[in-house]
Every structure is written in structure tokens, then in C-alpha cells.
Amino acid sequence: MVRLTICVGCEGGKALAARLKETMDDVEVVHAGCLQVCARSAGMAAQAEGRATYVFGGLSEADADDIARFVAAYRVEPKGWIADARPLRRLRHCLVARVPAMP
């Protein structure tokens, strides 16, 4: 299961979380008070067991389609490590951090 943690303390975070819950029933969308990407709000972290963790900033509900593309790519790449982010469109420019999965 892919978990998307959305910073609802950020401007636009609540709207983004609501949009993702409406459109992506195959992921877990959870709220966080703060992801410390305040300079690039709204923030989102993507995680799954045995996979890399991604942190994005500067998102809005308009990014829901690109987030869906990310989730699809994340699921098929070994350990969630997306080597070519070009298909993710604008989302690739919103990446703040990519942390390898724990061994």
C-alpha cells in the first residue's frame, strides 16, 4: 500500500488531501500537521514498505493527475526508485528529497 502524507498545515494542503482521497482510492491518504517544507507548501511525502520515501513541496490540488502518474511509476520501479522522472511532468520539479529504502 502506498501512503501519501499531506501537510494540512500548509496553504492548499487540505484541498490537495481531499482531492487525492476523491480520486485515488488505491492509496492511503493521511494528514500531517507539518512536513517542514513550509517554503514550498503544500508538502507531501510518499512511502511504502521496502520502497524509497519521496518528499515533495509546492503542490496543489491541480497536481492530482501528476501525483497519480507518480504513484503508478513508484509501484513498478524496483524499491520505488524512479530513475526517469520526466513522465511525472511538473511534479518532478517539486521534489524536495528522495530517501532510499532501508535495507
PDB file of N, CA and C in Angstrom:
ATOM      1  N   MET A   1       0.848  -1.192   0.000  1.00  0.00           N
ATOM      2  CA  MET A   1       0.000   0.000   0.000  1.00  0.00           C
ATOM      3  C   MET A   1       0.885   1.244   0.000  1.00  0.00           C
ATOM      4  N   VAL A   2       0.577   2.173  -0.865  1.00  0.00           N
ATOM      5  CA  VAL A   2       1.283   3.449  -0.916  1.00  0.00           C
ATOM      6  C   VAL A   2       0.568   4.415   0.016  1.00  0.00           C
ATOM      7  N   ARG A   3       1.357   5.086   0.846  1.00  0.00           N
ATOM      8  CA  ARG A   3       0.817   6.100   1.754  1.00  0.00           C
ATOM      9  C   ARG A   3       1.287   7.470   1.284  1.00  0.00           C
ATOM     10  N   LEU A   4       0.334   8.380   1.107  1.00  0.00           N
ATOM     11  CA  LEU A   4       0.624   9.776   0.797  1.00  0.00           C
ATOM     12  C   LEU A   4       0.277  10.592   2.032  1.00  0.00           C
ATOM     13  N   THR A   5       1.284  11.214   2.624  1.00  0.00           N
ATOM     14  CA  THR A   5       1.086  12.051   3.795  1.00  0.00           C
ATOM     15  C   THR A   5       1.093  13.499   3.337  1.00  0.00           C
ATOM     16  N   ILE A   6       0.003  14.188   3.583  1.00  0.00           N
ATOM     17  CA  ILE A   6      -0.164  15.565   3.114  1.00  0.00           C
ATOM     18  C   ILE A   6      -0.088  16.514   4.293  1.00  0.00           C
ATOM     19  N   CYS A   7       0.694  17.564   4.138  1.00  0.00           N
ATOM     20  CA  CYS A   7       0.798  18.588   5.177  1.00  0.00           C
ATOM     21  C   CYS A   7      -0.453  19.466   5.108  1.00  0.00           C
ATOM     22  N   VAL A   8      -1.335  19.293   6.077  1.00  0.00           N
ATOM     23  CA  VAL A   8      -2.573  20.081   6.071  1.00  0.00           C
ATOM     24  C   VAL A   8      -2.394  21.405   6.801  1.00  0.00           C
ATOM     25  N   GLY A   9      -1.204  21.636   7.356  1.00  0.00           N
ATOM     26  CA  GLY A   9      -0.894  22.932   7.936  1.00  0.00           C
ATOM     27  C   GLY A   9      -0.513  23.938   6.865  1.00  0.00           C
ATOM     28  N   CYS A  10      -0.160  23.446   5.698  1.00  0.00           N
ATOM     29  CA  CYS A  10       0.216  24.296   4.573  1.00  0.00           C
ATOM     30  C   CYS A  10      -1.016  24.823   3.858  1.00  0.00           C
ATOM     31  N   GLU A  11      -0.857  25.988   3.252  1.00  0.00           N
ATOM     32  CA  GLU A  11      -1.935  26.516   2.421  1.00  0.00           C
ATOM     33  C   GLU A  11      -2.163  25.564   1.257  1.00  0.00           C
ATOM     34  N   GLY A  12      -3.366  25.147   1.065  1.00  0.00           N
ATOM     35  CA  GLY A  12      -3.711  24.250  -0.018  1.00  0.00           C
ATOM     36  C   GLY A  12      -3.606  22.778   0.329  1.00  0.00           C
ATOM     37  N   GLY A  13      -3.052  22.461   1.483  1.00  0.00           N
ATOM     38  CA  GLY A  13      -2.867  21.067   1.869  1.00  0.00           C
ATOM     39  C   GLY A  13      -4.172  20.320   2.070  1.00  0.00           C
ATOM     40  N   LYS A  14      -5.133  20.959   2.709  1.00  0.00           N
ATOM     41  CA  LYS A  14      -6.424  20.299   2.941  1.00  0.00           C
ATOM     42  C   LYS A  14      -7.147  20.020   1.629  1.00  0.00           C
ATOM     43  N   ALA A  15      -7.085  20.974   0.711  1.00  0.00           N
ATOM     44  CA  ALA A  15      -7.734  20.783  -0.597  1.00  0.00           C
ATOM     45  C   ALA A  15      -7.040  19.675  -1.376  1.00  0.00           C
ATOM     46  N   LEU A  16      -5.711  19.622  -1.318  1.00  0.00           N
ATOM     47  CA  LEU A  16      -4.973  18.568  -2.000  1.00  0.00           C
ATOM     48  C   LEU A  16      -5.331  17.203  -1.424  1.00  0.00           C
ATOM     49  N   ALA A  17      -5.345  17.082  -0.109  1.00  0.00           N
ATOM     50  CA  ALA A  17      -5.686  15.810   0.539  1.00  0.00           C
ATOM     51  C   ALA A  17      -7.100  15.370   0.147  1.00  0.00           C
ATOM     52  N   ALA A  18      -8.032  16.299   0.153  1.00  0.00           N
ATOM     53  CA  ALA A  18      -9.413  15.964  -0.208  1.00  0.00           C
ATOM     54  C   ALA A  18      -9.494  15.477  -1.658  1.00  0.00           C
ATOM     55  N   ARG A  19      -8.806  16.165  -2.539  1.00  0.00           N
ATOM     56  CA  ARG A  19      -8.809  15.782  -3.963  1.00  0.00           C
ATOM     57  C   ARG A  19      -8.230  14.380  -4.153  1.00  0.00           C
ATOM     58  N   LEU A  20      -7.117  14.091  -3.467  1.00  0.00           N
ATOM     59  CA  LEU A  20      -6.495  12.773  -3.600  1.00  0.00           C
ATOM     60  C   LEU A  20      -7.391  11.676  -3.034  1.00  0.00           C
ATOM     61  N   LYS A  21      -8.060  11.966  -1.925  1.00  0.00           N
ATOM     62  CA  LYS A  21      -8.983  10.973  -1.350  1.00  0.00           C
ATOM     63  C   LYS A  21     -10.135  10.689  -2.300  1.00  0.00           C
ATOM     64  N   GLU A  22     -10.585  11.702  -3.035  1.00  0.00           N
ATOM     65  CA  GLU A  22     -11.686  11.539  -4.001  1.00  0.00           C
ATOM     66  C   GLU A  22     -11.263  10.726  -5.209  1.00  0.00           C
ATOM     67  N   THR A  23     -10.043  10.940  -5.671  1.00  0.00           N
ATOM     68  CA  THR A  23      -9.629  10.392  -6.963  1.00  0.00           C
ATOM     69  C   THR A  23      -8.728   9.171  -6.885  1.00  0.00           C
ATOM     70  N   MET A  24      -8.166   8.877  -5.717  1.00  0.00           N
ATOM     71  CA  MET A  24      -7.200   7.778  -5.610  1.00  0.00           C
ATOM     72  C   MET A  24      -7.609   6.838  -4.483  1.00  0.00           C
ATOM     73  N   ASP A  25      -8.501   5.916  -4.796  1.00  0.00           N
ATOM     74  CA  ASP A  25      -8.969   5.004  -3.753  1.00  0.00           C
ATOM     75  C   ASP A  25      -8.007   3.847  -3.507  1.00  0.00           C
ATOM     76  N   ASP A  26      -6.933   3.764  -4.285  1.00  0.00           N
ATOM     77  CA  ASP A  26      -5.969   2.680  -4.125  1.00  0.00           C
ATOM     78  C   ASP A  26      -4.721   3.103  -3.343  1.00  0.00           C
ATOM     79  N   VAL A  27      -4.764   4.260  -2.700  1.00  0.00           N
ATOM     80  CA  VAL A  27      -3.676   4.723  -1.837  1.00  0.00           C
ATOM     81  C   VAL A  27      -4.263   5.167  -0.502  1.00  0.00           C
ATOM     82  N   GLU A  28      -3.414   5.185   0.510  1.00  0.00           N
ATOM     83  CA  GLU A  28      -3.813   5.703   1.811  1.00  0.00           C
ATOM     84  C   GLU A  28      -3.391   7.168   1.873  1.00  0.00           C
ATOM     85  N   VAL A  29      -4.319   8.053   2.081  1.00  0.00           N
ATOM     86  CA  VAL A  29      -4.025   9.480   2.206  1.00  0.00           C
ATOM     87  C   VAL A  29      -4.203   9.853   3.672  1.00  0.00           C
ATOM     88  N   VAL A  30      -3.124  10.340   4.282  1.00  0.00           N
ATOM     89  CA  VAL A  30      -3.168  10.726   5.686  1.00  0.00           C
ATOM     90  C   VAL A  30      -2.731  12.182   5.823  1.00  0.00           C
ATOM     91  N   HIS A  31      -3.130  12.777   6.925  1.00  0.00           N
ATOM     92  CA  HIS A  31      -2.799  14.178   7.198  1.00  0.00           C
ATOM     93  C   HIS A  31      -1.629  14.259   8.163  1.00  0.00           C
ATOM     94  N   ALA A  32      -0.817  15.287   7.997  1.00  0.00           N
ATOM     95  CA  ALA A  32       0.254  15.615   8.940  1.00  0.00           C
ATOM     96  C   ALA A  32       0.139  17.102   9.241  1.00  0.00           C
ATOM     97  N   GLY A  33       0.485  17.475  10.444  1.00  0.00           N
ATOM     98  CA  GLY A  33       0.433  18.886  10.813  1.00  0.00           C
ATOM     99  C   GLY A  33       1.499  19.701  10.102  1.00  0.00           C
ATOM    100  N   CYS A  34       2.688  19.106   9.900  1.00  0.00           N
ATOM    101  CA  CYS A  34       3.782  19.834   9.256  1.00  0.00           C
ATOM    102  C   CYS A  34       4.817  18.840   8.733  1.00  0.00           C
ATOM    103  N   LEU A  35       5.284  19.061   7.522  1.00  0.00           N
ATOM    104  CA  LEU A  35       6.355  18.252   6.934  1.00  0.00           C
ATOM    105  C   LEU A  35       7.649  19.061   6.777  1.00  0.00           C
ATOM    106  N   GLN A  36       7.674  20.259   7.299  1.00  0.00           N
ATOM    107  CA  GLN A  36       8.852  21.127   7.265  1.00  0.00           C
ATOM    108  C   GLN A  36       9.297  21.509   5.853  1.00  0.00           C
ATOM    109  N   VAL A  37       8.348  21.669   4.960  1.00  0.00           N
ATOM    110  CA  VAL A  37       8.639  22.207   3.628  1.00  0.00           C
ATOM    111  C   VAL A  37       7.838  23.494   3.442  1.00  0.00           C
ATOM    112  N   CYS A  38       7.750  24.260   4.513  1.00  0.00           N
ATOM    113  CA  CYS A  38       6.888  25.447   4.553  1.00  0.00           C
ATOM    114  C   CYS A  38       7.197  26.456   3.443  1.00  0.00           C
ATOM    115  N   ALA A  39       8.456  26.552   3.043  1.00  0.00           N
ATOM    116  CA  ALA A  39       8.813  27.493   1.981  1.00  0.00           C
ATOM    117  C   ALA A  39       8.256  27.052   0.636  1.00  0.00           C
ATOM    118  N   ARG A  40       7.843  25.783   0.558  1.00  0.00           N
ATOM    119  CA  ARG A  40       7.307  25.231  -0.697  1.00  0.00           C
ATOM    120  C   ARG A  40       6.006  24.492  -0.424  1.00  0.00           C
ATOM    121  N   SER A  41       5.060  25.154   0.217  1.00  0.00           N
ATOM    122  CA  SER A  41       3.813  24.467   0.574  1.00  0.00           C
ATOM    123  C   SER A  41       2.918  24.348  -0.664  1.00  0.00           C
ATOM    124  N   ALA A  42       2.106  23.382  -0.712  1.00  0.00           N
ATOM    125  CA  ALA A  42       1.820  22.333   0.250  1.00  0.00           C
ATOM    126  C   ALA A  42       2.780  21.161   0.043  1.00  0.00           C
ATOM    127  N   GLY A  43       3.054  20.459   1.143  1.00  0.00           N
ATOM    128  CA  GLY A  43       4.000  19.365   1.104  1.00  0.00           C
ATOM    129  C   GLY A  43       3.321  18.010   1.111  1.00  0.00           C
ATOM    130  N   MET A  44       4.039  17.010   0.571  1.00  0.00           N
ATOM    131  CA  MET A  44       3.539  15.645   0.537  1.00  0.00           C
ATOM    132  C   MET A  44       4.721  14.696   0.638  1.00  0.00           C
ATOM    133  N   ALA A  45       4.550  13.624   1.416  1.00  0.00           N
ATOM    134  CA  ALA A  45       5.526  12.541   1.462  1.00  0.00           C
ATOM    135  C   ALA A  45       4.857  11.289   0.914  1.00  0.00           C
ATOM    136  N   ALA A  46       5.610  10.496   0.165  1.00  0.00           N
ATOM    137  CA  ALA A  46       5.114   9.230  -0.373  1.00  0.00           C
ATOM    138  C   ALA A  46       5.984   8.113   0.180  1.00  0.00           C
ATOM    139  N   GLN A  47       5.329   7.084   0.722  1.00  0.00           N
ATOM    140  CA  GLN A  47       6.043   5.979   1.342  1.00  0.00           C
ATOM    141  C   GLN A  47       5.333   4.662   1.056  1.00  0.00           C
ATOM    142  N   ALA A  48       6.101   3.583   1.083  1.00  0.00           N
ATOM    143  CA  ALA A  48       5.562   2.227   1.044  1.00  0.00           C
ATOM    144  C   ALA A  48       6.651   1.321   1.615  1.00  0.00           C
ATOM    145  N   GLU A  49       6.235   0.241   2.196  1.00  0.00           N
ATOM    146  CA  GLU A  49       7.178  -0.681   2.809  1.00  0.00           C
ATOM    147  C   GLU A  49       8.183  -1.188   1.774  1.00  0.00           C
ATOM    148  N   GLY A  50       9.477  -1.111   2.128  1.00  0.00           N
ATOM    149  CA  GLY A  50      10.537  -1.589   1.252  1.00  0.00           C
ATOM    150  C   GLY A  50      10.839  -0.687   0.074  1.00  0.00           C
ATOM    151  N   ARG A  51      10.304   0.530   0.084  1.00  0.00           N
ATOM    152  CA  ARG A  51      10.480   1.452  -1.038  1.00  0.00           C
ATOM    153  C   ARG A  51      11.053   2.780  -0.563  1.00  0.00           C
ATOM    154  N   ALA A  52      11.629   3.508  -1.503  1.00  0.00           N
ATOM    155  CA  ALA A  52      12.160   4.836  -1.208  1.00  0.00           C
ATOM    156  C   ALA A  52      11.049   5.749  -0.705  1.00  0.00           C
ATOM    157  N   THR A  53      11.427   6.740   0.069  1.00  0.00           N
ATOM    158  CA  THR A  53      10.495   7.772   0.518  1.00  0.00           C
ATOM    159  C   THR A  53      10.765   9.032  -0.299  1.00  0.00           C
ATOM    160  N   TYR A  54       9.716   9.648  -0.781  1.00  0.00           N
ATOM    161  CA  TYR A  54       9.816  10.890  -1.548  1.00  0.00           C
ATOM    162  C   TYR A  54       9.110  11.996  -0.786  1.00  0.00           C
ATOM    163  N   VAL A  55       9.700  13.198  -0.823  1.00  0.00           N
ATOM    164  CA  VAL A  55       9.077  14.374  -0.234  1.00  0.00           C
ATOM    165  C   VAL A  55       8.977  15.428  -1.331  1.00  0.00           C
ATOM    166  N   PHE A  56       7.774  15.971  -1.489  1.00  0.00           N
ATOM    167  CA  PHE A  56       7.511  16.990  -2.498  1.00  0.00           C
ATOM    168  C   PHE A  56       7.019  18.262  -1.818  1.00  0.00           C
ATOM    169  N   GLY A  57       7.242  19.395  -2.463  1.00  0.00           N
ATOM    170  CA  GLY A  57       6.719  20.668  -1.982  1.00  0.00           C
ATOM    171  C   GLY A  57       6.200  21.486  -3.146  1.00  0.00           C
ATOM    172  N   GLY A  58       5.423  22.485  -2.836  1.00  0.00           N
ATOM    173  CA  GLY A  58       4.876  23.360  -3.865  1.00  0.00           C
ATOM    174  C   GLY A  58       3.726  22.739  -4.627  1.00  0.00           C
ATOM    175  N   LEU A  59       2.952  21.886  -3.957  1.00  0.00           N
ATOM    176  CA  LEU A  59       1.853  21.184  -4.613  1.00  0.00           C
ATOM    177  C   LEU A  59       0.515  21.867  -4.377  1.00  0.00           C
ATOM    178  N   SER A  60      -0.429  21.545  -5.244  1.00  0.00           N
ATOM    179  CA  SER A  60      -1.810  21.992  -5.072  1.00  0.00           C
ATOM    180  C   SER A  60      -2.713  20.880  -5.594  1.00  0.00           C
ATOM    181  N   GLU A  61      -4.000  21.051  -5.433  1.00  0.00           N
ATOM    182  CA  GLU A  61      -4.928  20.023  -5.917  1.00  0.00           C
ATOM    183  C   GLU A  61      -4.862  19.870  -7.437  1.00  0.00           C
ATOM    184  N   ALA A  62      -4.359  20.869  -8.128  1.00  0.00           N
ATOM    185  CA  ALA A  62      -4.195  20.779  -9.582  1.00  0.00           C
ATOM    186  C   ALA A  62      -3.142  19.740  -9.972  1.00  0.00           C
ATOM    187  N   ASP A  63      -2.327  19.305  -9.024  1.00  0.00           N
ATOM    188  CA  ASP A  63      -1.278  18.313  -9.290  1.00  0.00           C
ATOM    189  C   ASP A  63      -1.759  16.878  -9.125  1.00  0.00           C
ATOM    190  N   ALA A  64      -3.039  16.662  -8.888  1.00  0.00           N
ATOM    191  CA  ALA A  64      -3.554  15.314  -8.611  1.00  0.00           C
ATOM    192  C   ALA A  64      -3.242  14.328  -9.739  1.00  0.00           C
ATOM    193  N   ASP A  65      -3.352  14.729 -10.987  1.00  0.00           N
ATOM    194  CA  ASP A  65      -3.063  13.815 -12.097  1.00  0.00           C
ATOM    195  C   ASP A  65      -1.585  13.433 -12.136  1.00  0.00           C
ATOM    196  N   ASP A  66      -0.700  14.408 -11.888  1.00  0.00           N
ATOM    197  CA  ASP A  66       0.733  14.107 -11.858  1.00  0.00           C
ATOM    198  C   ASP A  66       1.076  13.231 -10.660  1.00  0.00           C
ATOM    199  N   ILE A  67       0.397  13.409  -9.549  1.00  0.00           N
ATOM    200  CA  ILE A  67       0.610  12.555  -8.379  1.00  0.00           C
ATOM    201  C   ILE A  67       0.176  11.127  -8.703  1.00  0.00           C
ATOM    202  N   ALA A  68      -0.912  10.974  -9.430  1.00  0.00           N
ATOM    203  CA  ALA A  68      -1.348   9.634  -9.848  1.00  0.00           C
ATOM    204  C   ALA A  68      -0.300   8.988 -10.756  1.00  0.00           C
ATOM    205  N   ARG A  69       0.315   9.762 -11.654  1.00  0.00           N
ATOM    206  CA  ARG A  69       1.388   9.239 -12.501  1.00  0.00           C
ATOM    207  C   ARG A  69       2.577   8.802 -11.642  1.00  0.00           C
ATOM    208  N   PHE A  70       2.904   9.624 -10.652  1.00  0.00           N
ATOM    209  CA  PHE A  70       3.996   9.277  -9.740  1.00  0.00           C
ATOM    210  C   PHE A  70       3.709   7.949  -9.047  1.00  0.00           C
ATOM    211  N   VAL A  71       2.519   7.802  -8.483  1.00  0.00           N
ATOM    212  CA  VAL A  71       2.170   6.577  -7.757  1.00  0.00           C
ATOM    213  C   VAL A  71       2.279   5.360  -8.672  1.00  0.00           C
ATOM    214  N   ALA A  72       1.826   5.479  -9.901  1.00  0.00           N
ATOM    215  CA  ALA A  72       1.918   4.361 -10.847  1.00  0.00           C
ATOM    216  C   ALA A  72       3.379   3.989 -11.105  1.00  0.00           C
ATOM    217  N   ALA A  73       4.232   4.976 -11.320  1.00  0.00           N
ATOM    218  CA  ALA A  73       5.653   4.713 -11.553  1.00  0.00           C
ATOM    219  C   ALA A  73       6.322   4.160 -10.304  1.00  0.00           C
ATOM    220  N   TYR A  74       5.973   4.693  -9.172  1.00  0.00           N
ATOM    221  CA  TYR A  74       6.536   4.278  -7.879  1.00  0.00           C
ATOM    222  C   TYR A  74       6.260   2.801  -7.613  1.00  0.00           C
ATOM    223  N   ARG A  75       5.097   2.356  -7.967  1.00  0.00           N
ATOM    224  CA  ARG A  75       4.712   0.962  -7.727  1.00  0.00           C
ATOM    225  C   ARG A  75       5.499  -0.029  -8.576  1.00  0.00           C
ATOM    226  N   VAL A  76       5.864   0.332  -9.781  1.00  0.00           N
ATOM    227  CA  VAL A  76       6.514  -0.625 -10.676  1.00  0.00           C
ATOM    228  C   VAL A  76       8.038  -0.585 -10.623  1.00  0.00           C
ATOM    229  N   GLU A  77       8.610   0.490 -10.126  1.00  0.00           N
ATOM    230  CA  GLU A  77      10.069   0.586 -10.076  1.00  0.00           C
ATOM    231  C   GLU A  77      10.619  -0.199  -8.892  1.00  0.00           C
ATOM    232  N   PRO A  78      11.723  -0.926  -9.121  1.00  0.00           N
ATOM    233  CA  PRO A  78      12.326  -1.669  -8.007  1.00  0.00           C
ATOM    234  C   PRO A  78      12.645  -0.744  -6.831  1.00  0.00           C
ATOM    235  N   LYS A  79      12.161  -1.111  -5.687  1.00  0.00           N
ATOM    236  CA  LYS A  79      12.348  -0.363  -4.440  1.00  0.00           C
ATOM    237  C   LYS A  79      11.835   1.072  -4.535  1.00  0.00           C
ATOM    238  N   GLY A  80      10.949   1.351  -5.496  1.00  0.00           N
ATOM    239  CA  GLY A  80      10.354   2.672  -5.617  1.00  0.00           C
ATOM    240  C   GLY A  80      11.290   3.737  -6.142  1.00  0.00           C
ATOM    241  N   TRP A  81      12.436   3.348  -6.671  1.00  0.00           N
ATOM    242  CA  TRP A  81      13.448   4.310  -7.121  1.00  0.00           C
ATOM    243  C   TRP A  81      13.170   4.685  -8.570  1.00  0.00           C
ATOM    244  N   ILE A  82      12.599   5.859  -8.789  1.00  0.00           N
ATOM    245  CA  ILE A  82      12.224   6.315 -10.130  1.00  0.00           C
ATOM    246  C   ILE A  82      13.424   7.015 -10.758  1.00  0.00           C
ATOM    247  N   ALA A  83      14.018   6.389 -11.760  1.00  0.00           N
ATOM    248  CA  ALA A  83      15.227   6.929 -12.388  1.00  0.00           C
ATOM    249  C   ALA A  83      14.907   8.042 -13.387  1.00  0.00           C
ATOM    250  N   ASP A  84      13.832   7.892 -14.135  1.00  0.00           N
ATOM    251  CA  ASP A  84      13.460   8.889 -15.143  1.00  0.00           C
ATOM    252  C   ASP A  84      12.156   9.555 -14.721  1.00  0.00           C
ATOM    253  N   ALA A  85      12.259  10.754 -14.210  1.00  0.00           N
ATOM    254  CA  ALA A  85      11.083  11.453 -13.688  1.00  0.00           C
ATOM    255  C   ALA A  85      10.369  12.303 -14.736  1.00  0.00           C
ATOM    256  N   ARG A  86      10.852  12.322 -15.955  1.00  0.00           N
ATOM    257  CA  ARG A  86      10.222  13.168 -16.982  1.00  0.00           C
ATOM    258  C   ARG A  86       8.740  12.888 -17.181  1.00  0.00           C
ATOM    259  N   PRO A  87       8.271  11.626 -17.120  1.00  0.00           N
ATOM    260  CA  PRO A  87       6.835  11.386 -17.294  1.00  0.00           C
ATOM    261  C   PRO A  87       5.966  11.967 -16.169  1.00  0.00           C
ATOM    262  N   LEU A  88       6.583  12.386 -15.085  1.00  0.00           N
ATOM    263  CA  LEU A  88       5.821  12.919 -13.956  1.00  0.00           C
ATOM    264  C   LEU A  88       5.457  14.385 -14.152  1.00  0.00           C
ATOM    265  N   ARG A  89       5.868  14.938 -15.262  1.00  0.00           N
ATOM    266  CA  ARG A  89       5.548  16.323 -15.632  1.00  0.00           C
ATOM    267  C   ARG A  89       6.007  17.311 -14.555  1.00  0.00           C
ATOM    268  N   ARG A  90       5.145  18.210 -14.135  1.00  0.00           N
ATOM    269  CA  ARG A  90       5.523  19.268 -13.197  1.00  0.00           C
ATOM    270  C   ARG A  90       6.014  18.722 -11.862  1.00  0.00           C
ATOM    271  N   LEU A  91       5.509  17.576 -11.474  1.00  0.00           N
ATOM    272  CA  LEU A  91       5.844  17.012 -10.164  1.00  0.00           C
ATOM    273  C   LEU A  91       7.348  16.788  -9.999  1.00  0.00           C
ATOM    274  N   ARG A  92       8.043  16.491 -11.082  1.00  0.00           N
ATOM    275  CA  ARG A  92       9.488  16.246 -10.965  1.00  0.00           C
ATOM    276  C   ARG A  92      10.236  17.486 -10.479  1.00  0.00           C
ATOM    277  N   HIS A  93       9.682  18.664 -10.728  1.00  0.00           N
ATOM    278  CA  HIS A  93      10.310  19.904 -10.282  1.00  0.00           C
ATOM    279  C   HIS A  93       9.941  20.252  -8.836  1.00  0.00           C
ATOM    280  N   CYS A  94       9.044  19.489  -8.262  1.00  0.00           N
ATOM    281  CA  CYS A  94       8.585  19.726  -6.889  1.00  0.00           C
ATOM    282  C   CYS A  94       9.283  18.824  -5.885  1.00  0.00           C
ATOM    283  N   LEU A  95      10.180  17.972  -6.357  1.00  0.00           N
ATOM    284  CA  LEU A  95      10.853  17.032  -5.474  1.00  0.00           C
ATOM    285  C   LEU A  95      11.794  17.763  -4.516  1.00  0.00           C
ATOM    286  N   VAL A  96      11.633  17.493  -3.225  1.00  0.00           N
ATOM    287  CA  VAL A  96      12.492  18.077  -2.200  1.00  0.00           C
ATOM    288  C   VAL A  96      13.532  17.059  -1.750  1.00  0.00           C
ATOM    289  N   ALA A  97      13.126  15.800  -1.595  1.00  0.00           N
ATOM    290  CA  ALA A  97      14.053  14.746  -1.142  1.00  0.00           C
ATOM    291  C   ALA A  97      13.588  13.389  -1.608  1.00  0.00           C
ATOM    292  N   ARG A  98      14.576  12.512  -1.830  1.00  0.00           N
ATOM    293  CA  ARG A  98      14.326  11.105  -2.144  1.00  0.00           C
ATOM    294  C   ARG A  98      15.273  10.307  -1.253  1.00  0.00           C
ATOM    295  N   VAL A  99      14.699   9.507  -0.390  1.00  0.00           N
ATOM    296  CA  VAL A  99      15.470   8.751   0.600  1.00  0.00           C
ATOM    297  C   VAL A  99      15.378   7.271   0.257  1.00  0.00           C
ATOM    298  N   PRO A 100      16.520   6.593   0.058  1.00  0.00           N
ATOM    299  CA  PRO A 100      16.468   5.171  -0.267  1.00  0.00           C
ATOM    300  C   PRO A 100      15.769   4.355   0.823  1.00  0.00           C
ATOM    301  N   ALA A 101      15.214   3.240   0.411  1.00  0.00           N
ATOM    302  CA  ALA A 101      14.570   2.330   1.370  1.00  0.00           C
ATOM    303  C   ALA A 101      15.628   1.759   2.310  1.00  0.00           C
ATOM    304  N   MET A 102      15.201   1.470   3.525  1.00  0.00           N
ATOM    305  CA  MET A 102      16.117   0.812   4.455  1.00  0.00           C
ATOM    306  C   MET A 102      16.382  -0.604   3.964  1.00  0.00           C
ATOM    307  N   PRO A 103      17.627  -1.077   4.103  1.00  0.00           N
ATOM    308  CA  PRO A 103      17.919  -2.452   3.675  1.00  0.00           C
ATOM    309  C   PRO A 103      17.221  -3.477   4.547  1.00  0.00           C
TER     310      PRO A 103
END
